[in-house]
Amino acid sequence: GSSYEECRAECVALYLVDVPEILKIFSYEGEEAEI
């Protein structure tokens, strides 16, 4: 259970990290956002 749930949470992070609106919240845009 613990590892399975941690895997699910990590996958969510990977899946959503390229959303421009999310990156903009952290002040990343353009080339820096891609990095």
PDB file of all heavy atoms in Angstrom:
ATOM      1  N   GLY A   1       0.787  -1.229   0.000  1.00  0.00           N
ATOM      2  CA  GLY A   1       0.000   0.000   0.000  1.00  0.00           C
ATOM      3  C   GLY A   1       0.815   1.273   0.000  1.00  0.00           C
ATOM      4  O   GLY A   1       0.530   2.200  -0.772  1.00  0.00           O
ATOM      5  N   SER A   2       1.824   1.365   0.853  1.00  0.00           N
ATOM      6  CA  SER A   2       2.604   2.602   0.964  1.00  0.00           C
ATOM      7  C   SER A   2       3.326   2.913  -0.335  1.00  0.00           C
ATOM      8  O   SER A   2       3.257   4.029  -0.853  1.00  0.00           O
ATOM      9  CB  SER A   2       3.607   2.491   2.115  1.00  0.00           C
ATOM     10  OG  SER A   2       2.947   2.451   3.354  1.00  0.00           O
ATOM     11  N   SER A   3       4.035   1.935  -0.884  1.00  0.00           N
ATOM     12  CA  SER A   3       4.789   2.170  -2.114  1.00  0.00           C
ATOM     13  C   SER A   3       3.865   2.462  -3.283  1.00  0.00           C
ATOM     14  O   SER A   3       4.132   3.337  -4.106  1.00  0.00           O
ATOM     15  CB  SER A   3       5.680   0.964  -2.425  1.00  0.00           C
ATOM     16  OG  SER A   3       6.451   1.206  -3.577  1.00  0.00           O
ATOM     17  N   TYR A   4       2.766   1.725  -3.374  1.00  0.00           N
ATOM     18  CA  TYR A   4       1.799   1.912  -4.453  1.00  0.00           C
ATOM     19  C   TYR A   4       1.251   3.340  -4.445  1.00  0.00           C
ATOM     20  O   TYR A   4       1.165   3.990  -5.488  1.00  0.00           O
ATOM     21  CB  TYR A   4       0.666   0.902  -4.266  1.00  0.00           C
ATOM     22  CG  TYR A   4      -0.324   0.791  -5.402  1.00  0.00           C
ATOM     23  CD1 TYR A   4      -0.139  -0.136  -6.428  1.00  0.00           C
ATOM     24  CD2 TYR A   4      -1.466   1.578  -5.440  1.00  0.00           C
ATOM     25  CE1 TYR A   4      -1.062  -0.260  -7.460  1.00  0.00           C
ATOM     26  CE2 TYR A   4      -2.393   1.467  -6.454  1.00  0.00           C
ATOM     27  CZ  TYR A   4      -2.186   0.549  -7.469  1.00  0.00           C
ATOM     28  OH  TYR A   4      -3.103   0.429  -8.495  1.00  0.00           O
ATOM     29  N   GLU A   5       0.923   3.847  -3.265  1.00  0.00           N
ATOM     30  CA  GLU A   5       0.385   5.201  -3.157  1.00  0.00           C
ATOM     31  C   GLU A   5       1.458   6.247  -3.453  1.00  0.00           C
ATOM     32  O   GLU A   5       1.183   7.272  -4.085  1.00  0.00           O
ATOM     33  CB  GLU A   5      -0.217   5.423  -1.771  1.00  0.00           C
ATOM     34  CG  GLU A   5      -0.639   6.854  -1.458  1.00  0.00           C
ATOM     35  CD  GLU A   5      -1.696   7.426  -2.404  1.00  0.00           C
ATOM     36  OE1 GLU A   5      -2.271   6.665  -3.231  1.00  0.00           O
ATOM     37  OE2 GLU A   5      -1.935   8.644  -2.334  1.00  0.00           O
ATOM     38  N   GLU A   6       2.701   6.000  -3.012  1.00  0.00           N
ATOM     39  CA  GLU A   6       3.780   6.931  -3.340  1.00  0.00           C
ATOM     40  C   GLU A   6       4.018   6.958  -4.849  1.00  0.00           C
ATOM     41  O   GLU A   6       4.299   8.017  -5.430  1.00  0.00           O
ATOM     42  CB  GLU A   6       5.068   6.555  -2.605  1.00  0.00           C
ATOM     43  CG  GLU A   6       5.007   6.691  -1.092  1.00  0.00           C
ATOM     44  CD  GLU A   6       4.647   8.094  -0.624  1.00  0.00           C
ATOM     45  OE1 GLU A   6       4.897   9.065  -1.374  1.00  0.00           O
ATOM     46  OE2 GLU A   6       4.106   8.227   0.486  1.00  0.00           O
ATOM     47  N   CYS A   7       3.904   5.812  -5.497  1.00  0.00           N
ATOM     48  CA  CYS A   7       4.075   5.734  -6.947  1.00  0.00           C
ATOM     49  C   CYS A   7       2.981   6.533  -7.649  1.00  0.00           C
ATOM     50  O   CYS A   7       3.242   7.260  -8.619  1.00  0.00           O
ATOM     51  CB  CYS A   7       4.054   4.271  -7.396  1.00  0.00           C
ATOM     52  SG  CYS A   7       4.473   4.022  -9.125  1.00  0.00           S
ATOM     53  N   ARG A   8       1.761   6.410  -7.169  1.00  0.00           N
ATOM     54  CA  ARG A   8       0.642   7.151  -7.749  1.00  0.00           C
ATOM     55  C   ARG A   8       0.891   8.659  -7.634  1.00  0.00           C
ATOM     56  O   ARG A   8       0.700   9.417  -8.597  1.00  0.00           O
ATOM     57  CB  ARG A   8      -0.662   6.766  -7.056  1.00  0.00           C
ATOM     58  CG  ARG A   8      -1.930   7.224  -7.766  1.00  0.00           C
ATOM     59  CD  ARG A   8      -3.163   6.854  -6.945  1.00  0.00           C
ATOM     60  NE  ARG A   8      -3.255   7.657  -5.740  1.00  0.00           N
ATOM     61  CZ  ARG A   8      -3.896   8.826  -5.671  1.00  0.00           C
ATOM     62  NH1 ARG A   8      -4.500   9.317  -6.723  1.00  0.00           N
ATOM     63  NH2 ARG A   8      -3.937   9.478  -4.532  1.00  0.00           N
ATOM     64  N   ALA A   9       1.348   9.105  -6.464  1.00  0.00           N
ATOM     65  CA  ALA A   9       1.600  10.534  -6.260  1.00  0.00           C
ATOM     66  C   ALA A   9       2.746  11.034  -7.139  1.00  0.00           C
ATOM     67  O   ALA A   9       2.690  12.148  -7.680  1.00  0.00           O
ATOM     68  CB  ALA A   9       1.899  10.794  -4.784  1.00  0.00           C
ATOM     69  N   GLU A  10       3.800  10.225  -7.283  1.00  0.00           N
ATOM     70  CA  GLU A  10       4.920  10.609  -8.145  1.00  0.00           C
ATOM     71  C   GLU A  10       4.476  10.696  -9.603  1.00  0.00           C
ATOM     72  O   GLU A  10       4.904  11.587 -10.349  1.00  0.00           O
ATOM     73  CB  GLU A  10       6.072   9.610  -8.003  1.00  0.00           C
ATOM     74  CG  GLU A  10       6.761   9.588  -6.648  1.00  0.00           C
ATOM     75  CD  GLU A  10       7.705  10.753  -6.435  1.00  0.00           C
ATOM     76  OE1 GLU A  10       7.355  11.897  -6.794  1.00  0.00           O
ATOM     77  OE2 GLU A  10       8.806  10.529  -5.901  1.00  0.00           O
ATOM     78  N   CYS A  11       3.626   9.770 -10.031  1.00  0.00           N
ATOM     79  CA  CYS A  11       3.127   9.793 -11.406  1.00  0.00           C
ATOM     80  C   CYS A  11       2.273  11.029 -11.664  1.00  0.00           C
ATOM     81  O   CYS A  11       2.317  11.613 -12.759  1.00  0.00           O
ATOM     82  CB  CYS A  11       2.334   8.524 -11.702  1.00  0.00           C
ATOM     83  SG  CYS A  11       3.344   7.052 -11.928  1.00  0.00           S
ATOM     84  N   VAL A  12       1.473  11.428 -10.682  1.00  0.00           N
ATOM     85  CA  VAL A  12       0.687  12.651 -10.822  1.00  0.00           C
ATOM     86  C   VAL A  12       1.611  13.843 -11.043  1.00  0.00           C
ATOM     87  O   VAL A  12       1.357  14.708 -11.901  1.00  0.00           O
ATOM     88  CB  VAL A  12      -0.208  12.874  -9.585  1.00  0.00           C
ATOM     89  CG1 VAL A  12      -0.805  14.283  -9.595  1.00  0.00           C
ATOM     90  CG2 VAL A  12      -1.323  11.834  -9.537  1.00  0.00           C
ATOM     91  N   ALA A  13       2.703  13.905 -10.277  1.00  0.00           N
ATOM     92  CA  ALA A  13       3.658  15.009 -10.431  1.00  0.00           C
ATOM     93  C   ALA A  13       4.259  15.021 -11.834  1.00  0.00           C
ATOM     94  O   ALA A  13       4.352  16.080 -12.472  1.00  0.00           O
ATOM     95  CB  ALA A  13       4.756  14.897  -9.374  1.00  0.00           C
ATOM     96  N   LEU A  14       4.680  13.867 -12.330  1.00  0.00           N
ATOM     97  CA  LEU A  14       5.233  13.794 -13.687  1.00  0.00           C
ATOM     98  C   LEU A  14       4.193  14.195 -14.725  1.00  0.00           C
ATOM     99  O   LEU A  14       4.505  14.904 -15.694  1.00  0.00           O
ATOM    100  CB  LEU A  14       5.722  12.371 -13.981  1.00  0.00           C
ATOM    101  CG  LEU A  14       7.004  11.892 -13.310  1.00  0.00           C
ATOM    102  CD1 LEU A  14       7.298  10.455 -13.715  1.00  0.00           C
ATOM    103  CD2 LEU A  14       8.182  12.790 -13.662  1.00  0.00           C
ATOM    104  N   TYR A  15       2.976  13.740 -14.544  1.00  0.00           N
ATOM    105  CA  TYR A  15       1.923  13.944 -15.537  1.00  0.00           C
ATOM    106  C   TYR A  15       1.512  15.416 -15.648  1.00  0.00           C
ATOM    107  O   TYR A  15       1.167  15.894 -16.732  1.00  0.00           O
ATOM    108  CB  TYR A  15       0.709  13.091 -15.175  1.00  0.00           C
ATOM    109  CG  TYR A  15      -0.320  12.977 -16.268  1.00  0.00           C
ATOM    110  CD1 TYR A  15      -0.088  12.183 -17.387  1.00  0.00           C
ATOM    111  CD2 TYR A  15      -1.529  13.658 -16.175  1.00  0.00           C
ATOM    112  CE1 TYR A  15      -1.035  12.078 -18.397  1.00  0.00           C
ATOM    113  CE2 TYR A  15      -2.478  13.556 -17.177  1.00  0.00           C
ATOM    114  CZ  TYR A  15      -2.232  12.767 -18.287  1.00  0.00           C
ATOM    115  OH  TYR A  15      -3.166  12.673 -19.285  1.00  0.00           O
ATOM    116  N   LEU A  16       1.562  16.142 -14.545  1.00  0.00           N
ATOM    117  CA  LEU A  16       1.074  17.521 -14.530  1.00  0.00           C
ATOM    118  C   LEU A  16       2.167  18.579 -14.590  1.00  0.00           C
ATOM    119  O   LEU A  16       1.859  19.768 -14.743  1.00  0.00           O
ATOM    120  CB  LEU A  16       0.219  17.760 -13.283  1.00  0.00           C
ATOM    121  CG  LEU A  16      -1.094  16.981 -13.179  1.00  0.00           C
ATOM    122  CD1 LEU A  16      -1.793  17.310 -11.865  1.00  0.00           C
ATOM    123  CD2 LEU A  16      -2.012  17.267 -14.358  1.00  0.00           C
ATOM    124  N   VAL A  17       3.421  18.173 -14.471  1.00  0.00           N
ATOM    125  CA  VAL A  17       4.479  19.174 -14.314  1.00  0.00           C
ATOM    126  C   VAL A  17       4.660  20.051 -15.549  1.00  0.00           C
ATOM    127  O   VAL A  17       5.200  21.157 -15.457  1.00  0.00           O
ATOM    128  CB  VAL A  17       5.816  18.499 -13.929  1.00  0.00           C
ATOM    129  CG1 VAL A  17       6.418  17.726 -15.108  1.00  0.00           C
ATOM    130  CG2 VAL A  17       6.825  19.520 -13.416  1.00  0.00           C
ATOM    131  N   ASP A  18       4.207  19.589 -16.717  1.00  0.00           N
ATOM    132  CA  ASP A  18       4.391  20.405 -17.920  1.00  0.00           C
ATOM    133  C   ASP A  18       3.217  21.347 -18.184  1.00  0.00           C
ATOM    134  O   ASP A  18       3.184  22.026 -19.208  1.00  0.00           O
ATOM    135  CB  ASP A  18       4.624  19.514 -19.143  1.00  0.00           C
ATOM    136  CG  ASP A  18       3.405  18.670 -19.511  1.00  0.00           C
ATOM    137  OD1 ASP A  18       2.487  18.548 -18.668  1.00  0.00           O
ATOM    138  OD2 ASP A  18       3.381  18.124 -20.631  1.00  0.00           O
ATOM    139  N   VAL A  19       2.249  21.395 -17.285  1.00  0.00           N
ATOM    140  CA  VAL A  19       1.105  22.290 -17.467  1.00  0.00           C
ATOM    141  C   VAL A  19       1.579  23.736 -17.260  1.00  0.00           C
ATOM    142  O   VAL A  19       2.043  24.087 -16.169  1.00  0.00           O
ATOM    143  CB  VAL A  19      -0.033  21.950 -16.480  1.00  0.00           C
ATOM    144  CG1 VAL A  19      -1.165  22.957 -16.605  1.00  0.00           C
ATOM    145  CG2 VAL A  19      -0.531  20.531 -16.712  1.00  0.00           C
ATOM    146  N   PRO A  20       1.483  24.588 -18.293  1.00  0.00           N
ATOM    147  CA  PRO A  20       2.044  25.947 -18.192  1.00  0.00           C
ATOM    148  C   PRO A  20       1.511  26.743 -17.007  1.00  0.00           C
ATOM    149  O   PRO A  20       2.265  27.486 -16.362  1.00  0.00           O
ATOM    150  CB  PRO A  20       1.629  26.595 -19.525  1.00  0.00           C
ATOM    151  CG  PRO A  20       1.470  25.446 -20.475  1.00  0.00           C
ATOM    152  CD  PRO A  20       0.925  24.320 -19.635  1.00  0.00           C
ATOM    153  N   GLU A  21       0.209  26.601 -16.707  1.00  0.00           N
ATOM    154  CA  GLU A  21      -0.374  27.365 -15.603  1.00  0.00           C
ATOM    155  C   GLU A  21       0.223  26.970 -14.260  1.00  0.00           C
ATOM    156  O   GLU A  21       0.335  27.803 -13.351  1.00  0.00           O
ATOM    157  CB  GLU A  21      -1.898  27.164 -15.577  1.00  0.00           C
ATOM    158  CG  GLU A  21      -2.625  27.777 -16.757  1.00  0.00           C
ATOM    159  CD  GLU A  21      -2.558  26.922 -18.019  1.00  0.00           C
ATOM    160  OE1 GLU A  21      -2.034  25.784 -17.949  1.00  0.00           O
ATOM    161  OE2 GLU A  21      -3.023  27.380 -19.074  1.00  0.00           O
ATOM    162  N   ILE A  22       0.604  25.693 -14.117  1.00  0.00           N
ATOM    163  CA  ILE A  22       1.243  25.238 -12.876  1.00  0.00           C
ATOM    164  C   ILE A  22       2.647  25.816 -12.771  1.00  0.00           C
ATOM    165  O   ILE A  22       3.051  26.341 -11.726  1.00  0.00           O
ATOM    166  CB  ILE A  22       1.274  23.697 -12.819  1.00  0.00           C
ATOM    167  CG1 ILE A  22      -0.149  23.152 -12.604  1.00  0.00           C
ATOM    168  CG2 ILE A  22       2.220  23.209 -11.718  1.00  0.00           C
ATOM    169  CD1 ILE A  22      -0.252  21.642 -12.645  1.00  0.00           C
ATOM    170  N   LEU A  23       3.392  25.734 -13.857  1.00  0.00           N
ATOM    171  CA  LEU A  23       4.764  26.247 -13.847  1.00  0.00           C
ATOM    172  C   LEU A  23       4.790  27.753 -13.601  1.00  0.00           C
ATOM    173  O   LEU A  23       5.685  28.271 -12.925  1.00  0.00           O
ATOM    174  CB  LEU A  23       5.450  25.899 -15.165  1.00  0.00           C
ATOM    175  CG  LEU A  23       5.754  24.410 -15.343  1.00  0.00           C
ATOM    176  CD1 LEU A  23       6.037  24.087 -16.801  1.00  0.00           C
ATOM    177  CD2 LEU A  23       6.935  23.999 -14.472  1.00  0.00           C
ATOM    178  N   LYS A  24       3.781  28.448 -14.117  1.00  0.00           N
ATOM    179  CA  LYS A  24       3.722  29.902 -13.935  1.00  0.00           C
ATOM    180  C   LYS A  24       3.514  30.262 -12.463  1.00  0.00           C
ATOM    181  O   LYS A  24       4.027  31.283 -11.981  1.00  0.00           O
ATOM    182  CB  LYS A  24       2.594  30.482 -14.787  1.00  0.00           C
ATOM    183  CG  LYS A  24       2.647  31.994 -14.944  1.00  0.00           C
ATOM    184  CD  LYS A  24       1.536  32.496 -15.859  1.00  0.00           C
ATOM    185  CE  LYS A  24       1.767  32.054 -17.296  1.00  0.00           C
ATOM    186  NZ  LYS A  24       0.767  32.658 -18.230  1.00  0.00           N
ATOM    187  N   ILE A  25       2.777  29.414 -11.741  1.00  0.00           N
ATOM    188  CA  ILE A  25       2.581  29.644 -10.302  1.00  0.00           C
ATOM    189  C   ILE A  25       3.922  29.679  -9.575  1.00  0.00           C
ATOM    190  O   ILE A  25       4.132  30.454  -8.642  1.00  0.00           O
ATOM    191  CB  ILE A  25       1.659  28.561  -9.708  1.00  0.00           C
ATOM    192  CG1 ILE A  25       0.222  28.775 -10.180  1.00  0.00           C
ATOM    193  CG2 ILE A  25       1.720  28.558  -8.178  1.00  0.00           C
ATOM    194  CD1 ILE A  25      -0.723  27.645  -9.826  1.00  0.00           C
ATOM    195  N   PHE A  26       4.854  28.831 -10.040  1.00  0.00           N
ATOM    196  CA  PHE A  26       6.189  28.782  -9.429  1.00  0.00           C
ATOM    197  C   PHE A  26       7.172  29.741 -10.106  1.00  0.00           C
ATOM    198  O   PHE A  26       8.381  29.646  -9.899  1.00  0.00           O
ATOM    199  CB  PHE A  26       6.726  27.353  -9.484  1.00  0.00           C
ATOM    200  CG  PHE A  26       6.032  26.395  -8.553  1.00  0.00           C
ATOM    201  CD1 PHE A  26       4.960  25.636  -8.987  1.00  0.00           C
ATOM    202  CD2 PHE A  26       6.438  26.274  -7.238  1.00  0.00           C
ATOM    203  CE1 PHE A  26       4.309  24.753  -8.129  1.00  0.00           C
ATOM    204  CE2 PHE A  26       5.798  25.398  -6.371  1.00  0.00           C
ATOM    205  CZ  PHE A  26       4.728  24.640  -6.821  1.00  0.00           C
ATOM    206  N   SER A  27       6.625  30.632 -10.944  1.00  0.00           N
ATOM    207  CA  SER A  27       7.426  31.681 -11.619  1.00  0.00           C
ATOM    208  C   SER A  27       8.345  31.140 -12.704  1.00  0.00           C
ATOM    209  O   SER A  27       9.402  31.719 -12.971  1.00  0.00           O
ATOM    210  CB  SER A  27       8.245  32.482 -10.589  1.00  0.00           C
ATOM    211  OG  SER A  27       7.415  33.020  -9.592  1.00  0.00           O
ATOM    212  N   TYR A  28       7.942  30.041 -13.336  1.00  0.00           N
ATOM    213  CA  TYR A  28       8.745  29.495 -14.431  1.00  0.00           C
ATOM    214  C   TYR A  28       7.963  29.597 -15.734  1.00  0.00           C
ATOM    215  O   TYR A  28       6.825  29.123 -15.839  1.00  0.00           O
ATOM    216  CB  TYR A  28       9.110  28.034 -14.171  1.00  0.00           C
ATOM    217  CG  TYR A  28       9.926  27.831 -12.912  1.00  0.00           C
ATOM    218  CD1 TYR A  28       9.435  27.050 -11.869  1.00  0.00           C
ATOM    219  CD2 TYR A  28      11.162  28.448 -12.754  1.00  0.00           C
ATOM    220  CE1 TYR A  28      10.164  26.873 -10.696  1.00  0.00           C
ATOM    221  CE2 TYR A  28      11.892  28.284 -11.585  1.00  0.00           C
ATOM    222  CZ  TYR A  28      11.387  27.503 -10.568  1.00  0.00           C
ATOM    223  OH  TYR A  28      12.113  27.343  -9.415  1.00  0.00           O
ATOM    224  N   GLU A  29       8.586  30.217 -16.716  1.00  0.00           N
ATOM    225  CA  GLU A  29       7.987  30.340 -18.037  1.00  0.00           C
ATOM    226  C   GLU A  29       9.062  30.151 -19.095  1.00  0.00           C
ATOM    227  O   GLU A  29      10.265  30.224 -18.818  1.00  0.00           O
ATOM    228  CB  GLU A  29       7.321  31.710 -18.202  1.00  0.00           C
ATOM    229  CG  GLU A  29       6.156  31.970 -17.250  1.00  0.00           C
ATOM    230  CD  GLU A  29       5.480  33.306 -17.503  1.00  0.00           C
ATOM    231  OE1 GLU A  29       4.726  33.393 -18.493  1.00  0.00           O
ATOM    232  OE2 GLU A  29       5.720  34.252 -16.732  1.00  0.00           O
ATOM    233  N   GLY A  30       8.621  29.887 -20.321  1.00  0.00           N
ATOM    234  CA  GLY A  30       9.543  29.800 -21.447  1.00  0.00           C
ATOM    235  C   GLY A  30      10.571  28.702 -21.289  1.00  0.00           C
ATOM    236  O   GLY A  30      10.273  27.587 -20.857  1.00  0.00           O
ATOM    237  N   GLU A  31      11.796  29.027 -21.634  1.00  0.00           N
ATOM    238  CA  GLU A  31      12.876  28.035 -21.621  1.00  0.00           C
ATOM    239  C   GLU A  31      13.127  27.493 -20.216  1.00  0.00           C
ATOM    240  O   GLU A  31      13.389  26.312 -20.032  1.00  0.00           O
ATOM    241  CB  GLU A  31      14.160  28.648 -22.183  1.00  0.00           C
ATOM    242  CG  GLU A  31      15.320  27.660 -22.264  1.00  0.00           C
ATOM    243  CD  GLU A  31      16.596  28.280 -22.781  1.00  0.00           C
ATOM    244  OE1 GLU A  31      16.578  29.475 -23.160  1.00  0.00           O
ATOM    245  OE2 GLU A  31      17.626  27.574 -22.814  1.00  0.00           O
ATOM    246  N   GLU A  32      13.030  28.374 -19.221  1.00  0.00           N
ATOM    247  CA  GLU A  32      13.271  27.930 -17.851  1.00  0.00           C
ATOM    248  C   GLU A  32      12.213  26.919 -17.414  1.00  0.00           C
ATOM    249  O   GLU A  32      12.516  25.950 -16.714  1.00  0.00           O
ATOM    250  CB  GLU A  32      13.285  29.121 -16.897  1.00  0.00           C
ATOM    251  CG  GLU A  32      13.863  28.771 -15.531  1.00  0.00           C
ATOM    252  CD  GLU A  32      14.066  29.982 -14.642  1.00  0.00           C
ATOM    253  OE1 GLU A  32      13.229  30.909 -14.691  1.00  0.00           O
ATOM    254  OE2 GLU A  32      15.060  29.998 -13.888  1.00  0.00           O
ATOM    255  N   ALA A  33      10.972  27.111 -17.850  1.00  0.00           N
ATOM    256  CA  ALA A  33       9.913  26.154 -17.540  1.00  0.00           C
ATOM    257  C   ALA A  33      10.220  24.797 -18.161  1.00  0.00           C
ATOM    258  O   ALA A  33      10.024  23.749 -17.532  1.00  0.00           O
ATOM    259  CB  ALA A  33       8.571  26.672 -18.052  1.00  0.00           C
ATOM    260  N   GLU A  34      10.717  24.790 -19.398  1.00  0.00           N
ATOM    261  CA  GLU A  34      11.087  23.540 -20.067  1.00  0.00           C
ATOM    262  C   GLU A  34      12.208  22.828 -19.316  1.00  0.00           C
ATOM    263  O   GLU A  34      12.222  21.592 -19.213  1.00  0.00           O
ATOM    264  CB  GLU A  34      11.512  23.827 -21.507  1.00  0.00           C
ATOM    265  CG  GLU A  34      10.382  24.318 -22.394  1.00  0.00           C
ATOM    266  CD  GLU A  34      10.861  24.665 -23.794  1.00  0.00           C
ATOM    267  OE1 GLU A  34      12.040  24.384 -24.101  1.00  0.00           O
ATOM    268  OE2 GLU A  34      10.064  25.218 -24.579  1.00  0.00           O
ATOM    269  N   ILE A  35      13.139  23.602 -18.783  1.00  0.00           N
ATOM    270  CA  ILE A  35      14.249  23.017 -18.016  1.00  0.00           C
ATOM    271  C   ILE A  35      13.733  22.367 -16.740  1.00  0.00           C
ATOM    272  O   ILE A  35      14.168  21.282 -16.345  1.00  0.00           O
ATOM    273  CB  ILE A  35      15.313  24.093 -17.693  1.00  0.00           C
ATOM    274  CG1 ILE A  35      16.050  24.507 -18.971  1.00  0.00           C
ATOM    275  CG2 ILE A  35      16.309  23.574 -16.655  1.00  0.00           C
ATOM    276  CD1 ILE A  35      16.990  25.688 -18.785  1.00  0.00           C
TER     277      ILE A  35
END
